[in-house]
Amino acid sequence: LGWKDVNDKLATDYLVSNWTPGNKALLQMALQSWMFSRLERWSATSWMEAIESKVQATLEEDDNEQRLTLWTDACSSFAFFENVEATSILEMALWQREIEYESSNNGG
């Protein structure tokens, strides 16, 4: 779901743009497996709450233009959280590598 097409749109963008009760239900299911499950794996409770709030506002919005704005904000926030998490994982891996290197050089 994170890949964009040749028009630089996500599959979920089309669901948000073509709002029907069926598309709303499909978007809710897709977000549960795409966004929310990732945040749960990271144990990022505050991030999860922030994204859930943004997504809920998107799902409840009847105005198409406002819904697209809310959706863009939710996706941008999620991308930010992903980047922060990726950076944290990289920092931990580098830190662990340094500890292992120092330990092996000190006879440990």
C-alpha atoms as a PDB file:
ATOM      1  CA  LEU A   1       0.000   0.000   0.000  1.00  0.00           C
ATOM      2  CA  GLY A   2       2.961   2.296   0.345  1.00  0.00           C
ATOM      3  CA  TRP A   3       3.813   2.300  -3.355  1.00  0.00           C
ATOM      4  CA  LYS A   4       2.743   5.073  -5.681  1.00  0.00           C
ATOM      5  CA  ASP A   5       1.562   4.668  -9.254  1.00  0.00           C
ATOM      6  CA  VAL A   6       2.655   6.634 -12.328  1.00  0.00           C
ATOM      7  CA  ASN A   7       0.347   9.464 -11.220  1.00  0.00           C
ATOM      8  CA  ASP A   8       2.236   9.662  -7.887  1.00  0.00           C
ATOM      9  CA  LYS A   9      -0.817   8.357  -5.999  1.00  0.00           C
ATOM     10  CA  LEU A  10      -1.219   5.617  -3.449  1.00  0.00           C
ATOM     11  CA  ALA A  11      -3.978   3.046  -3.866  1.00  0.00           C
ATOM     12  CA  THR A  12      -5.544   4.511  -0.740  1.00  0.00           C
ATOM     13  CA  ASP A  13      -5.606   7.970  -2.366  1.00  0.00           C
ATOM     14  CA  TYR A  14      -8.122   6.630  -4.890  1.00  0.00           C
ATOM     15  CA  LEU A  15     -10.309   5.256  -2.100  1.00  0.00           C
ATOM     16  CA  VAL A  16     -10.308   8.636  -0.355  1.00  0.00           C
ATOM     17  CA  SER A  17     -11.033  10.484  -3.613  1.00  0.00           C
ATOM     18  CA  ASN A  18     -13.896   8.196  -4.656  1.00  0.00           C
ATOM     19  CA  TRP A  19     -15.772   8.126  -1.366  1.00  0.00           C
ATOM     20  CA  THR A  20     -18.454   5.466  -1.005  1.00  0.00           C
ATOM     21  CA  PRO A  21     -19.480   3.377   2.019  1.00  0.00           C
ATOM     22  CA  GLY A  22     -17.684   0.406   0.436  1.00  0.00           C
ATOM     23  CA  ASN A  23     -14.481   2.379  -0.125  1.00  0.00           C
ATOM     24  CA  LYS A  24     -14.654   3.706   3.441  1.00  0.00           C
ATOM     25  CA  ALA A  25     -14.855   0.129   4.790  1.00  0.00           C
ATOM     26  CA  LEU A  26     -12.046  -0.998   2.478  1.00  0.00           C
ATOM     27  CA  LEU A  27      -9.860   1.912   3.584  1.00  0.00           C
ATOM     28  CA  GLN A  28     -10.455   1.075   7.250  1.00  0.00           C
ATOM     29  CA  MET A  29      -9.373  -2.547   6.671  1.00  0.00           C
ATOM     30  CA  ALA A  30      -6.332  -1.531   4.619  1.00  0.00           C
ATOM     31  CA  LEU A  31      -5.175   0.958   7.241  1.00  0.00           C
ATOM     32  CA  GLN A  32      -5.476  -1.617   9.997  1.00  0.00           C
ATOM     33  CA  SER A  33      -2.953  -3.864   8.262  1.00  0.00           C
ATOM     34  CA  TRP A  34      -0.784  -1.139   6.719  1.00  0.00           C
ATOM     35  CA  MET A  35      -0.458   1.717   9.208  1.00  0.00           C
ATOM     36  CA  PHE A  36      -1.746   0.531  12.540  1.00  0.00           C
ATOM     37  CA  SER A  37      -0.064  -2.872  12.606  1.00  0.00           C
ATOM     38  CA  ARG A  38       3.327  -1.243  11.952  1.00  0.00           C
ATOM     39  CA  LEU A  39       2.854   1.211  14.771  1.00  0.00           C
ATOM     40  CA  GLU A  40       1.805  -1.607  17.095  1.00  0.00           C
ATOM     41  CA  ARG A  41       4.986  -3.554  16.251  1.00  0.00           C
ATOM     42  CA  TRP A  42       7.083  -0.512  17.140  1.00  0.00           C
ATOM     43  CA  SER A  43       5.202  -0.150  20.453  1.00  0.00           C
ATOM     44  CA  ALA A  44       4.720   3.486  19.515  1.00  0.00           C
ATOM     45  CA  THR A  45       1.603   4.211  21.566  1.00  0.00           C
ATOM     46  CA  SER A  46       1.676   7.997  21.245  1.00  0.00           C
ATOM     47  CA  TRP A  47       2.274   7.767  17.500  1.00  0.00           C
ATOM     48  CA  MET A  48      -0.535   5.222  17.202  1.00  0.00           C
ATOM     49  CA  GLU A  49      -2.933   7.557  18.990  1.00  0.00           C
ATOM     50  CA  ALA A  50      -1.934  10.499  16.795  1.00  0.00           C
ATOM     51  CA  ILE A  51      -2.372   8.537  13.561  1.00  0.00           C
ATOM     52  CA  GLU A  52      -5.640   6.949  14.706  1.00  0.00           C
ATOM     53  CA  SER A  53      -7.001  10.415  15.476  1.00  0.00           C
ATOM     54  CA  LYS A  54      -6.014  11.731  12.043  1.00  0.00           C
ATOM     55  CA  VAL A  55      -7.431   8.690  10.251  1.00  0.00           C
ATOM     56  CA  GLN A  56     -10.677   8.828  12.240  1.00  0.00           C
ATOM     57  CA  ALA A  57     -11.095  12.495  11.300  1.00  0.00           C
ATOM     58  CA  THR A  58     -10.514  11.543   7.665  1.00  0.00           C
ATOM     59  CA  LEU A  59     -13.086   8.739   7.779  1.00  0.00           C
ATOM     60  CA  GLU A  60     -15.711  10.967   9.399  1.00  0.00           C
ATOM     61  CA  GLU A  61     -15.264  13.915   7.011  1.00  0.00           C
ATOM     62  CA  ASP A  62     -18.028  14.362   4.420  1.00  0.00           C
ATOM     63  CA  ASP A  63     -16.412  17.203   2.456  1.00  0.00           C
ATOM     64  CA  ASN A  64     -14.190  15.725  -0.288  1.00  0.00           C
ATOM     65  CA  GLU A  65     -11.622  18.522  -0.286  1.00  0.00           C
ATOM     66  CA  GLN A  66     -11.294  18.553   3.503  1.00  0.00           C
ATOM     67  CA  ARG A  67     -11.090  14.735   3.575  1.00  0.00           C
ATOM     68  CA  LEU A  68      -8.201  14.816   1.069  1.00  0.00           C
ATOM     69  CA  THR A  69      -6.422  17.432   3.198  1.00  0.00           C
ATOM     70  CA  LEU A  70      -6.867  15.332   6.332  1.00  0.00           C
ATOM     71  CA  TRP A  71      -5.716  12.224   4.465  1.00  0.00           C
ATOM     72  CA  THR A  72      -2.587  13.976   3.194  1.00  0.00           C
ATOM     73  CA  ASP A  73      -1.817  15.085   6.747  1.00  0.00           C
ATOM     74  CA  ALA A  74      -2.274  11.530   8.084  1.00  0.00           C
ATOM     75  CA  CYS A  75       0.018  10.080   5.393  1.00  0.00           C
ATOM     76  CA  SER A  76       2.655  12.759   5.988  1.00  0.00           C
ATOM     77  CA  SER A  77       2.604  12.080   9.722  1.00  0.00           C
ATOM     78  CA  PHE A  78       2.915   8.352   9.141  1.00  0.00           C
ATOM     79  CA  ALA A  79       5.868   8.880   6.771  1.00  0.00           C
ATOM     80  CA  PHE A  80       7.531  11.075   9.396  1.00  0.00           C
ATOM     81  CA  PHE A  81       7.038   8.389  12.055  1.00  0.00           C
ATOM     82  CA  GLU A  82       8.470   5.767   9.702  1.00  0.00           C
ATOM     83  CA  ASN A  83      11.568   7.879   9.103  1.00  0.00           C
ATOM     84  CA  VAL A  84      12.069   8.477  12.823  1.00  0.00           C
ATOM     85  CA  GLU A  85      11.710   4.759  13.539  1.00  0.00           C
ATOM     86  CA  ALA A  86      14.097   3.788  10.724  1.00  0.00           C
ATOM     87  CA  THR A  87      16.660   6.268  12.029  1.00  0.00           C
ATOM     88  CA  SER A  88      16.301   4.886  15.562  1.00  0.00           C
ATOM     89  CA  ILE A  89      16.806   1.317  14.354  1.00  0.00           C
ATOM     90  CA  LEU A  90      19.880   2.350  12.364  1.00  0.00           C
ATOM     91  CA  GLU A  91      21.332   4.200  15.368  1.00  0.00           C
ATOM     92  CA  MET A  92      20.793   1.153  17.593  1.00  0.00           C
ATOM     93  CA  ALA A  93      22.442  -1.148  15.046  1.00  0.00           C
ATOM     94  CA  LEU A  94      25.466   1.145  14.742  1.00  0.00           C
ATOM     95  CA  TRP A  95      25.711   1.463  18.517  1.00  0.00           C
ATOM     96  CA  GLN A  96      25.549  -2.327  18.926  1.00  0.00           C
ATOM     97  CA  ARG A  97      28.206  -2.789  16.243  1.00  0.00           C
ATOM     98  CA  GLU A  98      30.498  -0.334  18.061  1.00  0.00           C
ATOM     99  CA  ILE A  99      30.047  -2.179  21.350  1.00  0.00           C
ATOM    100  CA  GLU A 100      30.805  -5.523  19.689  1.00  0.00           C
ATOM    101  CA  TYR A 101      33.881  -4.038  18.022  1.00  0.00           C
ATOM    102  CA  GLU A 102      35.206  -2.570  21.284  1.00  0.00           C
ATOM    103  CA  SER A 103      34.469  -5.802  23.124  1.00  0.00           C
ATOM    104  CA  SER A 104      36.374  -7.904  20.584  1.00  0.00           C
ATOM    105  CA  ASN A 105      39.364  -5.514  20.693  1.00  0.00           C
ATOM    106  CA  ASN A 106      39.445  -5.597  24.479  1.00  0.00           C
ATOM    107  CA  GLY A 107      39.494  -9.378  24.678  1.00  0.00           C
ATOM    108  CA  GLY A 108      35.815  -9.603  25.678  1.00  0.00           C
END
